[in-house]
N, C-alpha and C. Protein backbone atom coordinates (compact mmCIF):
# COMPACT_ATOMS: atom_id res chain seq x y z
N UNK A 1 0.88 -1.18 0.00
CA UNK A 1 -0.01 0.01 0.00
C UNK A 1 0.87 1.24 -0.02
N UNK A 2 0.30 2.33 -0.28
CA UNK A 2 1.06 3.55 -0.39
C UNK A 2 0.45 4.61 0.53
N UNK A 3 1.26 5.57 0.89
CA UNK A 3 0.74 6.67 1.72
C UNK A 3 0.05 7.74 0.88
N UNK A 4 0.34 7.77 -0.43
CA UNK A 4 -0.29 8.76 -1.31
C UNK A 4 -1.63 8.19 -1.72
N UNK A 5 -2.65 8.46 -0.96
CA UNK A 5 -3.96 7.86 -1.23
C UNK A 5 -4.85 8.70 -2.17
N UNK A 6 -4.37 9.91 -2.53
CA UNK A 6 -5.20 10.77 -3.33
C UNK A 6 -5.47 10.22 -4.73
N UNK A 7 -4.49 9.57 -5.35
CA UNK A 7 -4.67 9.06 -6.71
C UNK A 7 -4.71 7.55 -6.78
N UNK A 8 -4.70 6.89 -5.66
CA UNK A 8 -4.65 5.44 -5.63
C UNK A 8 -6.07 4.88 -5.56
N UNK A 9 -6.33 3.95 -6.47
CA UNK A 9 -7.64 3.28 -6.42
C UNK A 9 -7.66 2.38 -5.18
N UNK A 10 -8.79 2.34 -4.53
CA UNK A 10 -8.96 1.51 -3.35
C UNK A 10 -9.92 0.35 -3.64
N UNK A 11 -9.51 -0.81 -3.19
CA UNK A 11 -10.37 -1.99 -3.26
C UNK A 11 -10.67 -2.36 -1.83
N UNK A 12 -11.97 -2.41 -1.53
CA UNK A 12 -12.38 -2.76 -0.18
C UNK A 12 -13.00 -4.13 -0.20
N UNK A 13 -12.46 -5.01 0.66
CA UNK A 13 -12.98 -6.36 0.77
C UNK A 13 -13.81 -6.42 2.05
N UNK A 14 -15.13 -6.62 1.89
CA UNK A 14 -16.04 -6.69 3.05
C UNK A 14 -16.26 -8.15 3.41
N UNK A 15 -16.01 -8.51 4.64
CA UNK A 15 -16.16 -9.91 5.07
C UNK A 15 -16.90 -9.98 6.40
N UNK A 16 -17.43 -11.16 6.70
CA UNK A 16 -18.01 -11.48 7.99
C UNK A 16 -17.36 -12.77 8.50
N UNK A 17 -17.76 -13.15 9.70
CA UNK A 17 -17.18 -14.38 10.24
C UNK A 17 -17.64 -15.64 9.49
N UNK A 18 -18.66 -15.53 8.67
CA UNK A 18 -19.14 -16.66 7.91
C UNK A 18 -18.81 -16.59 6.42
N UNK A 19 -18.02 -15.59 6.04
CA UNK A 19 -17.65 -15.45 4.62
C UNK A 19 -16.66 -16.52 4.21
N UNK A 20 -16.72 -16.92 2.96
CA UNK A 20 -15.71 -17.77 2.34
C UNK A 20 -14.53 -16.86 1.99
N UNK A 21 -13.57 -16.77 2.91
CA UNK A 21 -12.43 -15.87 2.72
C UNK A 21 -11.65 -16.22 1.49
N UNK A 22 -11.51 -17.53 1.18
CA UNK A 22 -10.73 -17.96 0.05
C UNK A 22 -11.31 -17.38 -1.27
N UNK A 23 -12.62 -17.48 -1.45
CA UNK A 23 -13.27 -16.99 -2.67
C UNK A 23 -13.17 -15.48 -2.76
N UNK A 24 -13.42 -14.79 -1.67
CA UNK A 24 -13.35 -13.32 -1.66
C UNK A 24 -11.94 -12.84 -1.90
N UNK A 25 -10.92 -13.50 -1.29
CA UNK A 25 -9.53 -13.11 -1.44
C UNK A 25 -9.13 -13.30 -2.90
N UNK A 26 -9.53 -14.40 -3.51
CA UNK A 26 -9.21 -14.64 -4.89
C UNK A 26 -9.76 -13.55 -5.79
N UNK A 27 -11.00 -13.13 -5.53
CA UNK A 27 -11.61 -12.04 -6.32
C UNK A 27 -10.81 -10.75 -6.14
N UNK A 28 -10.38 -10.49 -4.90
CA UNK A 28 -9.57 -9.29 -4.68
C UNK A 28 -8.24 -9.34 -5.38
N UNK A 29 -7.62 -10.51 -5.39
CA UNK A 29 -6.30 -10.64 -6.06
C UNK A 29 -6.45 -10.50 -7.56
N UNK A 30 -7.57 -10.98 -8.12
CA UNK A 30 -7.83 -10.78 -9.54
C UNK A 30 -7.97 -9.29 -9.88
N UNK A 31 -8.59 -8.55 -8.99
CA UNK A 31 -8.76 -7.10 -9.22
C UNK A 31 -7.46 -6.35 -9.05
N UNK A 32 -6.60 -6.82 -8.16
CA UNK A 32 -5.31 -6.17 -7.93
C UNK A 32 -4.26 -6.49 -8.95
N UNK A 33 -4.45 -7.57 -9.70
CA UNK A 33 -3.41 -8.05 -10.64
C UNK A 33 -2.95 -6.95 -11.55
N UNK A 34 -1.68 -6.63 -11.47
CA UNK A 34 -1.05 -5.68 -12.35
C UNK A 34 -1.54 -4.26 -12.18
N UNK A 35 -2.22 -3.93 -11.14
CA UNK A 35 -2.79 -2.59 -10.95
C UNK A 35 -2.24 -1.99 -9.67
N UNK A 36 -2.05 -0.70 -9.70
CA UNK A 36 -1.64 -0.01 -8.48
C UNK A 36 -2.91 0.36 -7.71
N UNK A 37 -3.15 -0.37 -6.63
CA UNK A 37 -4.35 -0.15 -5.86
C UNK A 37 -4.07 -0.45 -4.40
N UNK A 38 -4.87 0.08 -3.52
CA UNK A 38 -4.78 -0.16 -2.11
C UNK A 38 -5.91 -1.10 -1.70
N UNK A 39 -5.56 -2.09 -0.89
CA UNK A 39 -6.54 -3.08 -0.44
C UNK A 39 -6.84 -2.83 1.04
N UNK A 40 -8.08 -2.67 1.36
CA UNK A 40 -8.51 -2.55 2.76
C UNK A 40 -9.60 -3.58 3.02
N UNK A 41 -9.45 -4.31 4.12
CA UNK A 41 -10.44 -5.33 4.50
C UNK A 41 -11.26 -4.78 5.63
N UNK A 42 -12.57 -4.87 5.48
CA UNK A 42 -13.49 -4.42 6.52
C UNK A 42 -14.29 -5.62 6.99
N UNK A 43 -14.13 -5.92 8.28
CA UNK A 43 -14.86 -6.98 8.91
C UNK A 43 -16.19 -6.39 9.37
N UNK A 44 -17.30 -6.90 8.82
CA UNK A 44 -18.61 -6.40 9.22
C UNK A 44 -19.09 -7.29 10.35
N UNK A 45 -19.11 -6.69 11.50
CA UNK A 45 -19.47 -7.42 12.73
C UNK A 45 -20.97 -7.73 12.70
N UNK A 46 -21.30 -8.96 13.01
CA UNK A 46 -22.67 -9.44 13.02
C UNK A 46 -23.32 -9.07 14.33
N UNK A 47 -24.28 -8.12 14.30
CA UNK A 47 -24.96 -7.64 15.49
C UNK A 47 -26.00 -8.63 16.03
N UNK A 48 -26.25 -9.70 15.29
CA UNK A 48 -27.26 -10.67 15.73
C UNK A 48 -26.89 -11.35 17.04
N UNK A 49 -25.55 -11.52 17.29
CA UNK A 49 -25.13 -12.15 18.58
C UNK A 49 -25.61 -11.30 19.74
N UNK A 50 -25.42 -9.98 19.64
CA UNK A 50 -25.82 -9.08 20.73
C UNK A 50 -27.35 -9.04 20.87
N UNK A 51 -28.05 -9.03 19.75
CA UNK A 51 -29.51 -9.04 19.82
C UNK A 51 -30.02 -10.31 20.49
N UNK A 52 -29.39 -11.46 20.14
CA UNK A 52 -29.79 -12.72 20.75
C UNK A 52 -29.54 -12.72 22.27
N UNK A 53 -28.39 -12.12 22.66
CA UNK A 53 -28.05 -12.07 24.07
C UNK A 53 -28.98 -11.17 24.86
N UNK A 54 -29.59 -10.21 24.17
CA UNK A 54 -30.48 -9.28 24.88
C UNK A 54 -31.84 -9.91 25.21
N UNK A 55 -32.10 -11.04 24.57
CA UNK A 55 -33.36 -11.76 24.89
C UNK A 55 -33.13 -12.60 26.13
N UNK A 56 -33.98 -12.47 27.10
CA UNK A 56 -33.81 -13.13 28.36
C UNK A 56 -33.85 -14.64 28.32
N UNK A 57 -34.42 -15.20 27.27
CA UNK A 57 -34.63 -16.64 27.20
C UNK A 57 -33.59 -17.36 26.33
N UNK A 58 -32.65 -16.63 25.75
CA UNK A 58 -31.68 -17.25 24.83
C UNK A 58 -30.64 -18.10 25.62
N UNK A 59 -30.49 -19.31 25.18
CA UNK A 59 -29.55 -20.20 25.81
C UNK A 59 -28.53 -20.74 24.81
N UNK A 60 -27.36 -21.08 25.30
CA UNK A 60 -26.33 -21.65 24.50
C UNK A 60 -26.29 -23.14 24.90
N UNK A 61 -26.34 -24.01 23.89
CA UNK A 61 -26.34 -25.45 24.13
C UNK A 61 -25.03 -26.04 23.67
N UNK A 62 -24.39 -26.74 24.57
CA UNK A 62 -23.10 -27.38 24.26
C UNK A 62 -23.33 -28.57 23.33
N UNK A 63 -22.54 -28.64 22.28
CA UNK A 63 -22.61 -29.77 21.38
C UNK A 63 -22.12 -31.02 22.05
N UNK A 64 -21.12 -30.86 22.90
CA UNK A 64 -20.51 -32.02 23.54
C UNK A 64 -21.41 -32.64 24.64
N UNK A 65 -21.90 -31.82 25.55
CA UNK A 65 -22.63 -32.34 26.69
C UNK A 65 -24.14 -32.23 26.56
N UNK A 66 -24.60 -31.33 25.70
CA UNK A 66 -26.04 -31.10 25.58
C UNK A 66 -26.60 -30.20 26.65
N UNK A 67 -25.72 -29.78 27.61
CA UNK A 67 -26.13 -28.88 28.65
C UNK A 67 -26.32 -27.47 28.11
N UNK A 68 -27.09 -26.66 28.86
CA UNK A 68 -27.34 -25.29 28.36
C UNK A 68 -27.04 -24.29 29.49
N UNK A 69 -26.66 -23.09 29.04
CA UNK A 69 -26.44 -21.97 29.93
C UNK A 69 -27.03 -20.73 29.26
N UNK A 70 -27.34 -19.70 30.06
CA UNK A 70 -27.83 -18.46 29.53
C UNK A 70 -26.80 -17.88 28.55
N UNK A 71 -27.29 -17.35 27.44
CA UNK A 71 -26.41 -16.67 26.48
C UNK A 71 -26.43 -15.18 26.82
N UNK A 72 -25.35 -14.73 27.45
CA UNK A 72 -25.27 -13.37 27.95
C UNK A 72 -24.59 -12.43 27.01
N UNK A 73 -24.68 -11.12 27.26
CA UNK A 73 -23.98 -10.13 26.47
C UNK A 73 -22.49 -10.37 26.55
N UNK A 74 -21.98 -10.75 27.72
CA UNK A 74 -20.56 -11.03 27.87
C UNK A 74 -20.15 -12.19 26.96
N UNK A 75 -20.96 -13.23 26.89
CA UNK A 75 -20.65 -14.39 25.99
C UNK A 75 -20.76 -13.97 24.54
N UNK A 76 -21.72 -13.13 24.19
CA UNK A 76 -21.87 -12.65 22.84
C UNK A 76 -20.62 -11.87 22.40
N UNK A 77 -20.08 -11.06 23.31
CA UNK A 77 -18.87 -10.29 23.00
C UNK A 77 -17.68 -11.23 22.87
N UNK A 78 -17.62 -12.29 23.65
CA UNK A 78 -16.53 -13.26 23.53
C UNK A 78 -16.60 -13.99 22.17
N UNK A 79 -17.83 -14.40 21.78
CA UNK A 79 -18.03 -15.01 20.47
C UNK A 79 -17.58 -14.09 19.35
N UNK A 80 -17.96 -12.85 19.49
CA UNK A 80 -17.62 -11.84 18.49
C UNK A 80 -16.09 -11.63 18.42
N UNK A 81 -15.42 -11.49 19.56
CA UNK A 81 -13.95 -11.32 19.58
C UNK A 81 -13.27 -12.52 18.94
N UNK A 82 -13.76 -13.73 19.25
CA UNK A 82 -13.17 -14.92 18.68
C UNK A 82 -13.33 -14.92 17.16
N UNK A 83 -14.48 -14.51 16.67
CA UNK A 83 -14.74 -14.49 15.21
C UNK A 83 -13.81 -13.48 14.54
N UNK A 84 -13.66 -12.32 15.14
CA UNK A 84 -12.78 -11.27 14.58
C UNK A 84 -11.35 -11.78 14.56
N UNK A 85 -10.90 -12.36 15.66
CA UNK A 85 -9.50 -12.85 15.74
C UNK A 85 -9.25 -13.93 14.73
N UNK A 86 -10.17 -14.87 14.58
CA UNK A 86 -10.02 -15.98 13.66
C UNK A 86 -10.00 -15.43 12.21
N UNK A 87 -10.89 -14.56 11.90
CA UNK A 87 -10.96 -13.98 10.53
C UNK A 87 -9.72 -13.15 10.20
N UNK A 88 -9.31 -12.31 11.15
CA UNK A 88 -8.15 -11.49 10.92
C UNK A 88 -6.88 -12.34 10.73
N UNK A 89 -6.77 -13.40 11.53
CA UNK A 89 -5.62 -14.30 11.42
C UNK A 89 -5.59 -14.97 10.04
N UNK A 90 -6.72 -15.44 9.58
CA UNK A 90 -6.76 -16.09 8.25
C UNK A 90 -6.44 -15.09 7.16
N UNK A 91 -6.99 -13.87 7.24
CA UNK A 91 -6.71 -12.85 6.25
C UNK A 91 -5.20 -12.45 6.29
N UNK A 92 -4.64 -12.40 7.46
CA UNK A 92 -3.22 -12.08 7.56
C UNK A 92 -2.37 -13.16 6.90
N UNK A 93 -2.79 -14.41 7.06
CA UNK A 93 -2.08 -15.52 6.41
C UNK A 93 -2.18 -15.37 4.90
N UNK A 94 -3.36 -15.07 4.38
CA UNK A 94 -3.53 -14.89 2.92
C UNK A 94 -2.72 -13.70 2.43
N UNK A 95 -2.70 -12.61 3.21
CA UNK A 95 -1.91 -11.43 2.79
C UNK A 95 -0.45 -11.72 2.78
N UNK A 96 0.05 -12.46 3.74
CA UNK A 96 1.45 -12.81 3.78
C UNK A 96 1.82 -13.65 2.60
N UNK A 97 0.98 -14.65 2.30
CA UNK A 97 1.22 -15.53 1.13
C UNK A 97 1.25 -14.72 -0.16
N UNK A 98 0.40 -13.68 -0.23
CA UNK A 98 0.29 -12.85 -1.44
C UNK A 98 1.28 -11.68 -1.43
N UNK A 99 2.01 -11.56 -0.36
CA UNK A 99 2.99 -10.45 -0.18
C UNK A 99 2.29 -9.08 -0.27
N UNK A 100 1.19 -8.99 0.46
CA UNK A 100 0.41 -7.77 0.49
C UNK A 100 0.27 -7.35 1.93
N UNK A 101 0.34 -6.06 2.16
CA UNK A 101 0.16 -5.51 3.49
C UNK A 101 -1.34 -5.50 3.80
N UNK A 102 -1.72 -6.03 4.98
CA UNK A 102 -3.11 -6.11 5.33
C UNK A 102 -3.57 -4.86 6.10
N UNK A 103 -4.61 -4.25 5.64
CA UNK A 103 -5.28 -3.17 6.39
C UNK A 103 -6.61 -3.78 6.82
N UNK A 104 -6.84 -3.82 8.09
CA UNK A 104 -8.03 -4.52 8.68
C UNK A 104 -8.82 -3.58 9.57
N UNK A 105 -10.05 -3.37 9.25
CA UNK A 105 -10.92 -2.50 10.04
C UNK A 105 -12.15 -3.32 10.49
N UNK A 106 -12.73 -2.93 11.58
CA UNK A 106 -13.94 -3.59 12.12
C UNK A 106 -15.09 -2.58 12.05
N UNK A 107 -16.21 -3.02 11.58
CA UNK A 107 -17.37 -2.17 11.46
C UNK A 107 -18.61 -2.92 11.86
N UNK A 108 -19.32 -2.46 12.85
CA UNK A 108 -20.58 -3.07 13.26
C UNK A 108 -21.65 -2.78 12.23
N UNK A 109 -22.56 -3.71 12.04
CA UNK A 109 -23.66 -3.49 11.08
C UNK A 109 -24.42 -2.20 11.44
N UNK A 110 -24.56 -1.93 12.71
CA UNK A 110 -25.31 -0.71 13.13
C UNK A 110 -24.55 0.56 12.79
N UNK A 111 -23.28 0.44 12.41
CA UNK A 111 -22.48 1.59 12.00
C UNK A 111 -22.31 1.61 10.48
N UNK A 112 -23.25 1.04 9.78
CA UNK A 112 -23.12 0.86 8.34
C UNK A 112 -22.80 2.14 7.57
N UNK A 113 -23.27 3.26 8.05
CA UNK A 113 -22.99 4.53 7.35
C UNK A 113 -21.49 4.87 7.32
N UNK A 114 -20.74 4.29 8.24
CA UNK A 114 -19.28 4.53 8.23
C UNK A 114 -18.57 3.94 7.05
N UNK A 115 -19.27 3.08 6.26
CA UNK A 115 -18.67 2.46 5.11
C UNK A 115 -18.19 3.53 4.11
N UNK A 116 -18.82 4.70 4.15
CA UNK A 116 -18.44 5.79 3.25
C UNK A 116 -17.04 6.31 3.56
N UNK A 117 -16.53 6.07 4.75
CA UNK A 117 -15.18 6.48 5.12
C UNK A 117 -14.12 5.72 4.32
N UNK A 118 -14.46 4.53 3.87
CA UNK A 118 -13.49 3.65 3.24
C UNK A 118 -13.48 3.74 1.71
N UNK A 119 -14.48 4.39 1.17
CA UNK A 119 -14.60 4.51 -0.29
C UNK A 119 -14.50 5.99 -0.64
N UNK A 120 -13.57 6.35 -1.51
CA UNK A 120 -13.32 7.75 -1.82
C UNK A 120 -13.83 8.19 -3.17
N UNK A 121 -13.89 7.27 -4.14
CA UNK A 121 -14.27 7.72 -5.49
C UNK A 121 -14.99 6.63 -6.26
N UNK A 122 -15.49 7.00 -7.41
CA UNK A 122 -16.18 6.04 -8.26
C UNK A 122 -15.23 5.05 -8.87
N UNK A 123 -13.92 5.26 -8.80
CA UNK A 123 -12.94 4.28 -9.26
C UNK A 123 -12.72 3.15 -8.26
N UNK A 124 -13.15 3.36 -7.04
CA UNK A 124 -12.97 2.35 -6.01
C UNK A 124 -13.91 1.18 -6.24
N UNK A 125 -13.59 0.07 -5.62
CA UNK A 125 -14.40 -1.17 -5.79
C UNK A 125 -14.61 -1.80 -4.42
N UNK A 126 -15.83 -2.22 -4.20
CA UNK A 126 -16.17 -2.97 -2.98
C UNK A 126 -16.43 -4.41 -3.41
N UNK A 127 -15.73 -5.35 -2.79
CA UNK A 127 -15.96 -6.75 -3.05
C UNK A 127 -16.61 -7.35 -1.80
N UNK A 128 -17.76 -7.98 -1.97
CA UNK A 128 -18.49 -8.53 -0.82
C UNK A 128 -19.14 -9.85 -1.25
N UNK A 129 -19.43 -10.66 -0.24
CA UNK A 129 -20.15 -11.93 -0.55
C UNK A 129 -21.56 -11.64 -1.00
N UNK A 130 -22.10 -12.44 -1.90
CA UNK A 130 -23.43 -12.22 -2.45
C UNK A 130 -24.51 -12.33 -1.38
N UNK A 131 -24.25 -13.05 -0.30
CA UNK A 131 -25.29 -13.13 0.77
C UNK A 131 -25.51 -11.81 1.48
N UNK A 132 -24.65 -10.81 1.20
CA UNK A 132 -24.89 -9.49 1.76
C UNK A 132 -26.21 -8.89 1.29
N UNK A 133 -26.70 -9.38 0.14
CA UNK A 133 -27.99 -8.87 -0.35
C UNK A 133 -29.12 -9.12 0.65
N UNK A 134 -28.95 -10.14 1.49
CA UNK A 134 -29.97 -10.47 2.47
C UNK A 134 -29.73 -9.82 3.81
N UNK A 135 -28.73 -8.98 3.90
CA UNK A 135 -28.39 -8.34 5.18
C UNK A 135 -28.70 -6.87 5.12
N UNK A 136 -29.06 -6.24 6.26
CA UNK A 136 -29.35 -4.82 6.28
C UNK A 136 -28.19 -3.95 5.77
N UNK A 137 -26.99 -4.40 5.91
CA UNK A 137 -25.80 -3.70 5.51
C UNK A 137 -25.80 -3.40 4.00
N UNK A 138 -26.45 -4.25 3.21
CA UNK A 138 -26.42 -4.10 1.73
C UNK A 138 -27.01 -2.78 1.28
N UNK A 139 -28.04 -2.30 1.91
CA UNK A 139 -28.66 -1.05 1.49
C UNK A 139 -27.67 0.12 1.56
N UNK A 140 -26.77 0.06 2.56
CA UNK A 140 -25.78 1.11 2.65
C UNK A 140 -24.71 0.95 1.54
N UNK A 141 -24.39 -0.27 1.17
CA UNK A 141 -23.44 -0.51 0.10
C UNK A 141 -23.95 0.08 -1.21
N UNK A 142 -25.23 -0.03 -1.46
CA UNK A 142 -25.79 0.44 -2.72
C UNK A 142 -25.76 1.99 -2.80
N UNK A 143 -25.57 2.66 -1.71
CA UNK A 143 -25.49 4.10 -1.68
C UNK A 143 -24.12 4.64 -2.05
N UNK A 144 -23.13 3.76 -2.10
CA UNK A 144 -21.76 4.19 -2.40
C UNK A 144 -21.65 4.54 -3.87
N UNK A 145 -20.79 5.50 -4.18
CA UNK A 145 -20.57 5.90 -5.56
C UNK A 145 -19.30 5.20 -6.06
N UNK A 146 -19.40 3.87 -6.15
CA UNK A 146 -18.29 3.05 -6.66
C UNK A 146 -18.89 1.79 -7.18
N UNK A 147 -18.04 0.94 -7.78
CA UNK A 147 -18.49 -0.37 -8.26
C UNK A 147 -18.56 -1.34 -7.09
N UNK A 148 -19.49 -2.26 -7.17
CA UNK A 148 -19.68 -3.31 -6.19
C UNK A 148 -19.61 -4.62 -6.90
N UNK A 149 -18.74 -5.51 -6.42
CA UNK A 149 -18.61 -6.84 -7.01
C UNK A 149 -19.07 -7.84 -5.92
N UNK A 150 -20.19 -8.51 -6.20
CA UNK A 150 -20.69 -9.53 -5.27
C UNK A 150 -20.17 -10.88 -5.73
N UNK A 151 -19.55 -11.57 -4.81
CA UNK A 151 -18.95 -12.86 -5.12
C UNK A 151 -19.85 -13.96 -4.65
N UNK A 152 -20.17 -14.87 -5.49
CA UNK A 152 -21.03 -16.02 -5.11
C UNK A 152 -20.19 -16.97 -4.27
N UNK A 153 -20.02 -16.55 -3.03
CA UNK A 153 -19.28 -17.37 -2.07
C UNK A 153 -20.29 -17.94 -1.09
N UNK A 154 -20.06 -19.14 -0.70
CA UNK A 154 -20.93 -19.79 0.30
C UNK A 154 -20.91 -18.97 1.59
N UNK A 155 -22.02 -18.99 2.29
CA UNK A 155 -22.09 -18.46 3.66
C UNK A 155 -21.63 -19.58 4.55
N UNK A 156 -20.35 -19.61 4.83
CA UNK A 156 -19.73 -20.74 5.56
C UNK A 156 -20.04 -20.60 7.02
N UNK A 157 -20.60 -21.65 7.59
CA UNK A 157 -20.87 -21.65 9.04
C UNK A 157 -19.58 -21.93 9.78
N UNK A 158 -19.27 -21.09 10.77
CA UNK A 158 -18.05 -21.28 11.51
C UNK A 158 -18.23 -22.48 12.44
N UNK A 159 -17.11 -23.19 12.63
CA UNK A 159 -17.18 -24.35 13.52
C UNK A 159 -16.84 -23.89 14.91
N UNK A 160 -17.78 -24.09 15.84
CA UNK A 160 -17.54 -23.75 17.23
C UNK A 160 -18.01 -24.94 18.06
N UNK A 161 -17.54 -25.00 19.27
CA UNK A 161 -17.94 -26.09 20.14
C UNK A 161 -19.38 -25.95 20.58
N UNK A 162 -19.87 -24.73 20.68
CA UNK A 162 -21.22 -24.47 21.13
C UNK A 162 -21.97 -23.75 20.05
N UNK A 163 -23.28 -23.83 20.06
CA UNK A 163 -24.09 -23.06 19.12
C UNK A 163 -25.37 -22.66 19.82
N UNK A 164 -26.04 -21.65 19.24
CA UNK A 164 -27.27 -21.16 19.79
C UNK A 164 -28.45 -22.00 19.34
N UNK A 165 -29.36 -22.22 20.23
CA UNK A 165 -30.60 -22.92 19.90
C UNK A 165 -31.74 -22.03 20.26
């Protein structure tokens, strides 16, 4: 990446904890091929964990034991931190393999309007998984004055020891 951002095209890769990072990364590398551009990755935090935790009856059921415990805001934040850490680590690995400097930002879905901070011109490109069309965040993406490339990537379910029921 370069510090002279005034004339540099920006490619923004929007991901979630369930995105197929391999497919999205490949699309970003195809766009970067032979071009002077800056790549920024924005992790779109899934606010559904917090909404689930705000419901008094939400429980987390262990896959191993079948036991259940209340799903609290503290646990939701732990799940969120784990997802961010896992995703950032995998993206860092891909960036290292591609010899690209990783710029990683976190954006909550409720802060969707902040997406405008990352896109500067109509020459910029946003790459996002196609399942974003079903998420509230998508309406903000369509307001951007840039190209949007939706990648038909699977909505990959993260493997965790526990899941919500």
